[in-house]
Amino acid sequence: MKIDQERSDLSHNDKSNLSGPSNYSVTLFAEQIKLLYLQANKALIASLLVSLACVIVFWERLPQSMLIGWFAAIIVLSATRFLLVISYLRKKPSAPESIRWGYYFIVTLAISALLWGFAGGVFFIPDSLTHQLFLAYFLGGMIAGGMATFSSYPGAFLLFSLPVMVPFTYQIFLMQAMNK
């Protein structure tokens, strides 16, 4: 009788453990998403400061309407992402709900990456090594900051860094090809 009870308990534990790993995975994923949101405000401030520096550095060399439009897009996106962070922190979503919040974060992160990638391609001034170096410095700083901020979420860093790097890298290779 005692052996049957132990088998029953063991069988019950085995069945409950079948859902354990998936619950653990969702909880782990939710914690990774939470880290993204907790670190986001620093990234948003850095993005605003670096984008302002870009506008100042490139003001005399690029169309000012383009710089103002790009900077306005960065401001609007940063404000949207800030409101998203505030909403997430107020809601304190459950682990399963956090998955949806992770998608929201990733979508806004992708838009941010596209805006910075745009800068890497369009702000590239072929006849000014100084401006090229500034642009490399700004984009490299954004990518380095992204490594620290987005590394808690699988794929988020690559989602950010690749669109930021590719247009600038393309411009470098294009310039080298033209100089041969």
C-alpha atoms as a PDB file:
ATOM      1  CA  MET A   1       0.000   0.000   0.000  1.00  0.00           C
ATOM      2  CA  LYS A   2       2.800   2.380   0.918  1.00  0.00           C
ATOM      3  CA  ILE A   3       4.640   1.553  -2.318  1.00  0.00           C
ATOM      4  CA  ASP A   4       1.488   2.255  -4.356  1.00  0.00           C
ATOM      5  CA  GLN A   5       1.158   5.667  -2.658  1.00  0.00           C
ATOM      6  CA  GLU A   6       4.791   6.514  -3.435  1.00  0.00           C
ATOM      7  CA  ARG A   7       4.296   5.457  -7.082  1.00  0.00           C
ATOM      8  CA  SER A   8       1.197   7.604  -7.255  1.00  0.00           C
ATOM      9  CA  ASP A   9       3.081  10.577  -5.822  1.00  0.00           C
ATOM     10  CA  LEU A  10       5.980   9.955  -8.180  1.00  0.00           C
ATOM     11  CA  SER A  11       3.618   9.663 -11.137  1.00  0.00           C
ATOM     12  CA  HIS A  12       1.881  12.899 -10.106  1.00  0.00           C
ATOM     13  CA  ASN A  13       5.236  14.699  -9.799  1.00  0.00           C
ATOM     14  CA  ASP A  14       6.301  13.439 -13.224  1.00  0.00           C
ATOM     15  CA  LYS A  15       3.105  14.774 -14.812  1.00  0.00           C
ATOM     16  CA  SER A  16       3.468  18.163 -13.195  1.00  0.00           C
ATOM     17  CA  ASN A  17       7.080  18.374 -14.349  1.00  0.00           C
ATOM     18  CA  LEU A  18       5.999  17.932 -17.956  1.00  0.00           C
ATOM     19  CA  SER A  19       4.697  21.483 -17.925  1.00  0.00           C
ATOM     20  CA  GLY A  20       7.566  22.711 -15.736  1.00  0.00           C
ATOM     21  CA  PRO A  21      10.129  23.441 -18.436  1.00  0.00           C
ATOM     22  CA  SER A  22       7.666  25.418 -20.554  1.00  0.00           C
ATOM     23  CA  ASN A  23       6.546  27.422 -17.524  1.00  0.00           C
ATOM     24  CA  TYR A  24      10.180  27.959 -16.651  1.00  0.00           C
ATOM     25  CA  SER A  25      10.916  29.074 -20.207  1.00  0.00           C
ATOM     26  CA  VAL A  26       8.056  31.572 -20.206  1.00  0.00           C
ATOM     27  CA  THR A  27       9.154  32.902 -16.825  1.00  0.00           C
ATOM     28  CA  LEU A  28      12.761  33.215 -18.002  1.00  0.00           C
ATOM     29  CA  PHE A  29      11.653  34.952 -21.199  1.00  0.00           C
ATOM     30  CA  ALA A  30       9.464  37.320 -19.160  1.00  0.00           C
ATOM     31  CA  GLU A  31      12.452  38.218 -16.978  1.00  0.00           C
ATOM     32  CA  GLN A  32      14.543  38.926 -20.069  1.00  0.00           C
ATOM     33  CA  ILE A  33      11.797  41.233 -21.336  1.00  0.00           C
ATOM     34  CA  LYS A  34      11.621  42.910 -17.946  1.00  0.00           C
ATOM     35  CA  LEU A  35      15.363  43.636 -18.154  1.00  0.00           C
ATOM     36  CA  LEU A  36      14.841  45.269 -21.552  1.00  0.00           C
ATOM     37  CA  TYR A  37      12.234  47.592 -20.110  1.00  0.00           C
ATOM     38  CA  LEU A  38      14.217  48.367 -16.977  1.00  0.00           C
ATOM     39  CA  GLN A  39      17.264  49.393 -19.025  1.00  0.00           C
ATOM     40  CA  ALA A  40      15.376  51.205 -21.773  1.00  0.00           C
ATOM     41  CA  ASN A  41      15.314  54.701 -20.273  1.00  0.00           C
ATOM     42  CA  LYS A  42      19.108  54.955 -20.310  1.00  0.00           C
ATOM     43  CA  ALA A  43      19.127  53.904 -23.959  1.00  0.00           C
ATOM     44  CA  LEU A  44      16.435  56.437 -24.807  1.00  0.00           C
ATOM     45  CA  ILE A  45      18.368  59.275 -23.204  1.00  0.00           C
ATOM     46  CA  ALA A  46      21.552  58.196 -24.986  1.00  0.00           C
ATOM     47  CA  SER A  47      19.707  58.031 -28.290  1.00  0.00           C
ATOM     48  CA  LEU A  48      18.383  61.556 -27.864  1.00  0.00           C
ATOM     49  CA  LEU A  49      21.783  62.949 -26.885  1.00  0.00           C
ATOM     50  CA  VAL A  50      23.676  61.203 -29.677  1.00  0.00           C
ATOM     51  CA  SER A  51      21.073  62.190 -32.265  1.00  0.00           C
ATOM     52  CA  LEU A  52      21.309  65.825 -31.140  1.00  0.00           C
ATOM     53  CA  ALA A  53      25.098  65.617 -31.469  1.00  0.00           C
ATOM     54  CA  CYS A  54      24.657  64.206 -34.991  1.00  0.00           C
ATOM     55  CA  VAL A  55      22.411  67.091 -35.966  1.00  0.00           C
ATOM     56  CA  ILE A  56      24.924  69.621 -34.629  1.00  0.00           C
ATOM     57  CA  VAL A  57      27.921  67.981 -36.342  1.00  0.00           C
ATOM     58  CA  PHE A  58      26.195  67.584 -39.713  1.00  0.00           C
ATOM     59  CA  TRP A  59      24.181  70.844 -39.650  1.00  0.00           C
ATOM     60  CA  GLU A  60      26.361  72.712 -42.158  1.00  0.00           C
ATOM     61  CA  ARG A  61      26.988  69.734 -44.460  1.00  0.00           C
ATOM     62  CA  LEU A  62      23.543  68.170 -44.962  1.00  0.00           C
ATOM     63  CA  PRO A  63      20.108  69.543 -45.799  1.00  0.00           C
ATOM     64  CA  GLN A  64      18.772  70.968 -42.563  1.00  0.00           C
ATOM     65  CA  SER A  65      15.215  69.874 -43.339  1.00  0.00           C
ATOM     66  CA  MET A  66      16.419  66.267 -43.546  1.00  0.00           C
ATOM     67  CA  LEU A  67      18.315  66.573 -40.253  1.00  0.00           C
ATOM     68  CA  ILE A  68      15.317  68.159 -38.528  1.00  0.00           C
ATOM     69  CA  GLY A  69      12.984  65.472 -39.915  1.00  0.00           C
ATOM     70  CA  TRP A  70      15.279  62.673 -38.782  1.00  0.00           C
ATOM     71  CA  PHE A  71      15.730  64.244 -35.356  1.00  0.00           C
ATOM     72  CA  ALA A  72      11.957  64.744 -35.031  1.00  0.00           C
ATOM     73  CA  ALA A  73      11.440  61.061 -35.876  1.00  0.00           C
ATOM     74  CA  ILE A  74      13.983  60.097 -33.191  1.00  0.00           C
ATOM     75  CA  ILE A  75      12.174  62.316 -30.668  1.00  0.00           C
ATOM     76  CA  VAL A  76       8.730  60.904 -31.517  1.00  0.00           C
ATOM     77  CA  LEU A  77      10.005  57.335 -31.386  1.00  0.00           C
ATOM     78  CA  SER A  78      11.824  57.968 -28.092  1.00  0.00           C
ATOM     79  CA  ALA A  79       8.668  59.461 -26.587  1.00  0.00           C
ATOM     80  CA  THR A  80       6.644  56.489 -27.806  1.00  0.00           C
ATOM     81  CA  ARG A  81       9.156  54.052 -26.366  1.00  0.00           C
ATOM     82  CA  PHE A  82       9.226  55.983 -23.086  1.00  0.00           C
ATOM     83  CA  LEU A  83       5.418  55.744 -22.841  1.00  0.00           C
ATOM     84  CA  LEU A  84       5.678  52.035 -23.628  1.00  0.00           C
ATOM     85  CA  VAL A  85       8.176  51.598 -20.784  1.00  0.00           C
ATOM     86  CA  ILE A  86       5.928  53.516 -18.371  1.00  0.00           C
ATOM     87  CA  SER A  87       2.916  51.413 -19.413  1.00  0.00           C
ATOM     88  CA  TYR A  88       4.835  48.180 -18.971  1.00  0.00           C
ATOM     89  CA  LEU A  89       6.127  49.154 -15.529  1.00  0.00           C
ATOM     90  CA  ARG A  90       2.657  50.233 -14.368  1.00  0.00           C
ATOM     91  CA  LYS A  91       0.938  47.134 -15.731  1.00  0.00           C
ATOM     92  CA  LYS A  92       3.480  44.690 -14.310  1.00  0.00           C
ATOM     93  CA  PRO A  93       2.331  41.999 -16.756  1.00  0.00           C
ATOM     94  CA  SER A  94       2.267  38.325 -15.911  1.00  0.00           C
ATOM     95  CA  ALA A  95       4.846  36.084 -17.533  1.00  0.00           C
ATOM     96  CA  PRO A  96       2.576  35.049 -20.432  1.00  0.00           C
ATOM     97  CA  GLU A  97       1.487  38.676 -21.000  1.00  0.00           C
ATOM     98  CA  SER A  98       5.120  39.764 -21.053  1.00  0.00           C
ATOM     99  CA  ILE A  99       5.628  37.960 -24.352  1.00  0.00           C
ATOM    100  CA  ARG A 100       3.317  40.471 -26.077  1.00  0.00           C
ATOM    101  CA  TRP A 101       5.171  43.355 -24.384  1.00  0.00           C
ATOM    102  CA  GLY A 102       8.416  41.891 -25.702  1.00  0.00           C
ATOM    103  CA  TYR A 103       7.052  42.104 -29.247  1.00  0.00           C
ATOM    104  CA  TYR A 104       6.089  45.745 -28.705  1.00  0.00           C
ATOM    105  CA  PHE A 105       9.592  46.501 -27.524  1.00  0.00           C
ATOM    106  CA  ILE A 106      11.180  44.665 -30.449  1.00  0.00           C
ATOM    107  CA  VAL A 107       9.034  46.511 -33.002  1.00  0.00           C
ATOM    108  CA  THR A 108      10.034  49.904 -31.609  1.00  0.00           C
ATOM    109  CA  LEU A 109      13.646  48.748 -31.399  1.00  0.00           C
ATOM    110  CA  ALA A 110      13.555  47.768 -35.076  1.00  0.00           C
ATOM    111  CA  ILE A 111      12.206  51.209 -36.014  1.00  0.00           C
ATOM    112  CA  SER A 112      15.004  52.798 -33.997  1.00  0.00           C
ATOM    113  CA  ALA A 113      17.566  50.642 -35.796  1.00  0.00           C
ATOM    114  CA  LEU A 114      16.148  51.702 -39.156  1.00  0.00           C
ATOM    115  CA  LEU A 115      16.385  55.382 -38.211  1.00  0.00           C
ATOM    116  CA  TRP A 116      20.003  54.966 -37.147  1.00  0.00           C
ATOM    117  CA  GLY A 117      20.718  52.907 -40.270  1.00  0.00           C
ATOM    118  CA  PHE A 118      19.247  55.742 -42.324  1.00  0.00           C
ATOM    119  CA  ALA A 119      21.731  58.081 -40.651  1.00  0.00           C
ATOM    120  CA  GLY A 120      24.576  55.687 -41.436  1.00  0.00           C
ATOM    121  CA  GLY A 121      23.708  55.709 -45.114  1.00  0.00           C
ATOM    122  CA  VAL A 122      22.454  59.229 -45.759  1.00  0.00           C
ATOM    123  CA  PHE A 123      24.689  61.198 -43.383  1.00  0.00           C
ATOM    124  CA  PHE A 124      27.795  59.687 -44.978  1.00  0.00           C
ATOM    125  CA  ILE A 125      29.791  62.500 -46.605  1.00  0.00           C
ATOM    126  CA  PRO A 126      32.299  60.979 -49.058  1.00  0.00           C
ATOM    127  CA  ASP A 127      34.556  64.028 -49.268  1.00  0.00           C
ATOM    128  CA  SER A 128      34.876  64.599 -45.510  1.00  0.00           C
ATOM    129  CA  LEU A 129      36.922  62.120 -43.544  1.00  0.00           C
ATOM    130  CA  THR A 130      36.147  64.097 -40.372  1.00  0.00           C
ATOM    131  CA  HIS A 131      32.399  63.637 -40.823  1.00  0.00           C
ATOM    132  CA  GLN A 132      32.874  59.971 -41.714  1.00  0.00           C
ATOM    133  CA  LEU A 133      34.786  59.452 -38.472  1.00  0.00           C
ATOM    134  CA  PHE A 134      32.153  61.295 -36.460  1.00  0.00           C
ATOM    135  CA  LEU A 135      29.454  59.146 -38.019  1.00  0.00           C
ATOM    136  CA  ALA A 136      31.438  55.973 -37.318  1.00  0.00           C
ATOM    137  CA  TYR A 137      31.932  57.134 -33.733  1.00  0.00           C
ATOM    138  CA  PHE A 138      28.228  57.919 -33.239  1.00  0.00           C
ATOM    139  CA  LEU A 139      27.025  54.658 -34.789  1.00  0.00           C
ATOM    140  CA  GLY A 140      29.686  52.614 -32.996  1.00  0.00           C
ATOM    141  CA  GLY A 141      28.650  54.195 -29.707  1.00  0.00           C
ATOM    142  CA  MET A 142      25.010  53.354 -30.347  1.00  0.00           C
ATOM    143  CA  ILE A 143      25.915  49.757 -31.169  1.00  0.00           C
ATOM    144  CA  ALA A 144      28.163  49.439 -28.104  1.00  0.00           C
ATOM    145  CA  GLY A 145      25.399  50.824 -25.910  1.00  0.00           C
ATOM    146  CA  GLY A 146      22.968  48.448 -27.567  1.00  0.00           C
ATOM    147  CA  MET A 147      25.166  45.502 -26.663  1.00  0.00           C
ATOM    148  CA  ALA A 148      24.876  46.321 -22.988  1.00  0.00           C
ATOM    149  CA  THR A 149      21.205  47.283 -23.116  1.00  0.00           C
ATOM    150  CA  PHE A 150      19.737  44.637 -25.411  1.00  0.00           C
ATOM    151  CA  SER A 151      21.849  41.577 -24.656  1.00  0.00           C
ATOM    152  CA  SER A 152      19.313  40.194 -22.160  1.00  0.00           C
ATOM    153  CA  TYR A 153      16.842  39.409 -24.945  1.00  0.00           C
ATOM    154  CA  PRO A 154      17.828  36.824 -27.577  1.00  0.00           C
ATOM    155  CA  GLY A 155      18.352  38.446 -30.945  1.00  0.00           C
ATOM    156  CA  ALA A 156      17.567  42.014 -29.857  1.00  0.00           C
ATOM    157  CA  PHE A 157      21.167  43.174 -30.167  1.00  0.00           C
ATOM    158  CA  LEU A 158      21.495  41.771 -33.691  1.00  0.00           C
ATOM    159  CA  LEU A 159      18.113  43.210 -34.634  1.00  0.00           C
ATOM    160  CA  PHE A 160      19.432  46.612 -33.616  1.00  0.00           C
ATOM    161  CA  SER A 161      23.069  46.461 -34.696  1.00  0.00           C
ATOM    162  CA  LEU A 162      22.777  44.988 -38.173  1.00  0.00           C
ATOM    163  CA  PRO A 163      20.440  47.652 -39.616  1.00  0.00           C
ATOM    164  CA  VAL A 164      22.615  50.321 -38.003  1.00  0.00           C
ATOM    165  CA  MET A 165      25.877  48.935 -39.412  1.00  0.00           C
ATOM    166  CA  VAL A 166      24.929  47.816 -42.899  1.00  0.00           C
ATOM    167  CA  PRO A 167      24.248  51.197 -44.596  1.00  0.00           C
ATOM    168  CA  PHE A 168      27.424  52.791 -43.208  1.00  0.00           C
ATOM    169  CA  THR A 169      29.479  49.732 -44.134  1.00  0.00           C
ATOM    170  CA  TYR A 170      27.966  49.779 -47.616  1.00  0.00           C
ATOM    171  CA  GLN A 171      28.975  53.429 -48.015  1.00  0.00           C
ATOM    172  CA  ILE A 172      32.549  52.617 -46.976  1.00  0.00           C
ATOM    173  CA  PHE A 173      32.790  49.768 -49.513  1.00  0.00           C
ATOM    174  CA  LEU A 174      31.178  51.912 -52.203  1.00  0.00           C
ATOM    175  CA  MET A 175      33.659  54.706 -51.580  1.00  0.00           C
ATOM    176  CA  GLN A 176      36.570  52.234 -51.716  1.00  0.00           C
ATOM    177  CA  ALA A 177      35.295  50.771 -54.979  1.00  0.00           C
ATOM    178  CA  MET A 178      35.006  54.217 -56.524  1.00  0.00           C
ATOM    179  CA  ASN A 179      38.546  55.132 -55.469  1.00  0.00           C
ATOM    180  CA  LYS A 180      40.089  52.145 -57.258  1.00  0.00           C
END
